[in-house]
Every structure is written in structure tokens, then in C-alpha cells.
Amino acid sequence: MTATPGALHTVLGAGPTGTSGVLELARRGHAVRLVDRSDSG
């Protein structure tokens, strides 16, 4: 799999799997956004 230069990866869920995925992507130099569900509203 190849990444598009400048692409922003979005990971849904800040649980153990989402967090470890975000950390690994960031470690590899990817731009990453972590989105978690809010309990408000």
C-alpha cells in the first residue's frame, strides 16, 4: 500500500487499538487525526 503525499489519515476511536494505530502511523511520519466519540450531547 502506498500513501498519498500530504494525506491526512483519520482513526476513529481512542481505545487501545486506535491509539496504537495512531502512534505507529505518526512514528512512520504520517499525518494522523484521532477522533473519539464524546459523551456530551
N, C-alpha and C. Protein backbone atom coordinates (compact mmCIF):
# COMPACT_ATOMS: atom_id res chain seq x y z
N MET A 1 0.85 -1.17 0.00
CA MET A 1 0.00 0.00 0.00
C MET A 1 0.90 1.23 0.00
N THR A 2 0.55 2.22 -0.79
CA THR A 2 1.31 3.47 -0.83
C THR A 2 0.45 4.61 -0.31
N ALA A 3 1.08 5.54 0.33
CA ALA A 3 0.37 6.70 0.87
C ALA A 3 0.46 7.86 -0.11
N THR A 4 -0.59 8.65 -0.15
CA THR A 4 -0.61 9.87 -0.94
C THR A 4 0.13 10.95 -0.16
N PRO A 5 1.11 11.61 -0.76
CA PRO A 5 1.84 12.66 -0.04
C PRO A 5 0.89 13.72 0.49
N GLY A 6 1.03 14.08 1.75
CA GLY A 6 0.20 15.10 2.36
C GLY A 6 -1.16 14.62 2.81
N ALA A 7 -1.45 13.33 2.66
CA ALA A 7 -2.75 12.80 3.06
C ALA A 7 -2.87 12.81 4.58
N LEU A 8 -4.06 13.09 5.07
CA LEU A 8 -4.33 13.04 6.49
C LEU A 8 -5.11 11.77 6.77
N HIS A 9 -4.58 10.92 7.61
CA HIS A 9 -5.25 9.68 7.99
C HIS A 9 -6.10 9.96 9.22
N THR A 10 -7.34 9.48 9.21
CA THR A 10 -8.24 9.66 10.35
C THR A 10 -8.53 8.30 10.96
N VAL A 11 -8.31 8.19 12.26
CA VAL A 11 -8.57 6.96 13.00
C VAL A 11 -9.75 7.24 13.93
N LEU A 12 -10.77 6.39 13.85
CA LEU A 12 -11.96 6.55 14.69
C LEU A 12 -11.85 5.65 15.91
N GLY A 13 -11.91 6.26 17.09
CA GLY A 13 -11.87 5.51 18.33
C GLY A 13 -10.53 5.62 19.02
N ALA A 14 -10.54 6.11 20.26
CA ALA A 14 -9.31 6.32 21.01
C ALA A 14 -9.06 5.21 22.01
N GLY A 15 -9.59 4.03 21.72
CA GLY A 15 -9.31 2.87 22.56
C GLY A 15 -7.89 2.38 22.30
N PRO A 16 -7.55 1.23 22.88
CA PRO A 16 -6.19 0.70 22.73
C PRO A 16 -5.77 0.49 21.27
N THR A 17 -6.64 -0.03 20.45
CA THR A 17 -6.30 -0.29 19.05
C THR A 17 -6.13 1.00 18.27
N GLY A 18 -7.07 1.93 18.42
CA GLY A 18 -6.98 3.20 17.71
C GLY A 18 -5.76 4.00 18.11
N THR A 19 -5.49 4.03 19.41
CA THR A 19 -4.34 4.78 19.90
C THR A 19 -3.03 4.19 19.41
N SER A 20 -2.91 2.87 19.46
CA SER A 20 -1.66 2.25 18.99
C SER A 20 -1.50 2.44 17.49
N GLY A 21 -2.61 2.42 16.74
CA GLY A 21 -2.54 2.67 15.31
C GLY A 21 -2.08 4.08 14.99
N VAL A 22 -2.61 5.05 15.72
CA VAL A 22 -2.21 6.44 15.53
C VAL A 22 -0.73 6.63 15.86
N LEU A 23 -0.29 6.04 16.95
CA LEU A 23 1.11 6.18 17.34
C LEU A 23 2.03 5.58 16.28
N GLU A 24 1.67 4.44 15.74
CA GLU A 24 2.50 3.79 14.72
C GLU A 24 2.52 4.61 13.42
N LEU A 25 1.37 5.10 13.00
CA LEU A 25 1.33 5.93 11.79
C LEU A 25 2.16 7.20 11.98
N ALA A 26 2.02 7.84 13.13
CA ALA A 26 2.79 9.05 13.40
C ALA A 26 4.29 8.74 13.44
N ARG A 27 4.65 7.62 14.03
CA ARG A 27 6.06 7.23 14.09
C ARG A 27 6.64 7.06 12.70
N ARG A 28 5.80 6.61 11.77
CA ARG A 28 6.24 6.42 10.39
C ARG A 28 6.17 7.70 9.56
N GLY A 29 5.79 8.81 10.20
CA GLY A 29 5.82 10.10 9.53
C GLY A 29 4.52 10.52 8.86
N HIS A 30 3.43 9.81 9.13
CA HIS A 30 2.14 10.16 8.53
C HIS A 30 1.42 11.21 9.37
N ALA A 31 0.62 12.04 8.71
CA ALA A 31 -0.25 12.98 9.41
C ALA A 31 -1.49 12.21 9.84
N VAL A 32 -1.82 12.31 11.12
CA VAL A 32 -2.91 11.49 11.67
C VAL A 32 -3.84 12.34 12.52
N ARG A 33 -5.13 12.05 12.42
CA ARG A 33 -6.14 12.67 13.28
C ARG A 33 -6.85 11.55 14.03
N LEU A 34 -6.96 11.69 15.35
CA LEU A 34 -7.65 10.71 16.18
C LEU A 34 -8.98 11.30 16.60
N VAL A 35 -10.08 10.61 16.29
CA VAL A 35 -11.42 11.09 16.61
C VAL A 35 -12.06 10.09 17.55
N ASP A 36 -12.60 10.59 18.67
CA ASP A 36 -13.27 9.73 19.63
C ASP A 36 -14.66 10.28 19.90
N ARG A 37 -15.57 9.41 20.21
CA ARG A 37 -16.95 9.81 20.49
C ARG A 37 -16.99 10.60 21.80
N SER A 38 -17.76 11.66 21.80
CA SER A 38 -17.92 12.48 23.00
C SER A 38 -19.19 12.06 23.72
N ASP A 39 -19.17 12.05 25.04
CA ASP A 39 -20.35 11.70 25.82
C ASP A 39 -21.31 12.87 25.98
N SER A 40 -20.88 14.08 25.64
CA SER A 40 -21.76 15.23 25.79
C SER A 40 -22.72 15.32 24.61
N GLY A 41 -23.94 15.72 24.90
CA GLY A 41 -24.90 15.94 23.84
C GLY A 41 -25.71 14.77 23.60
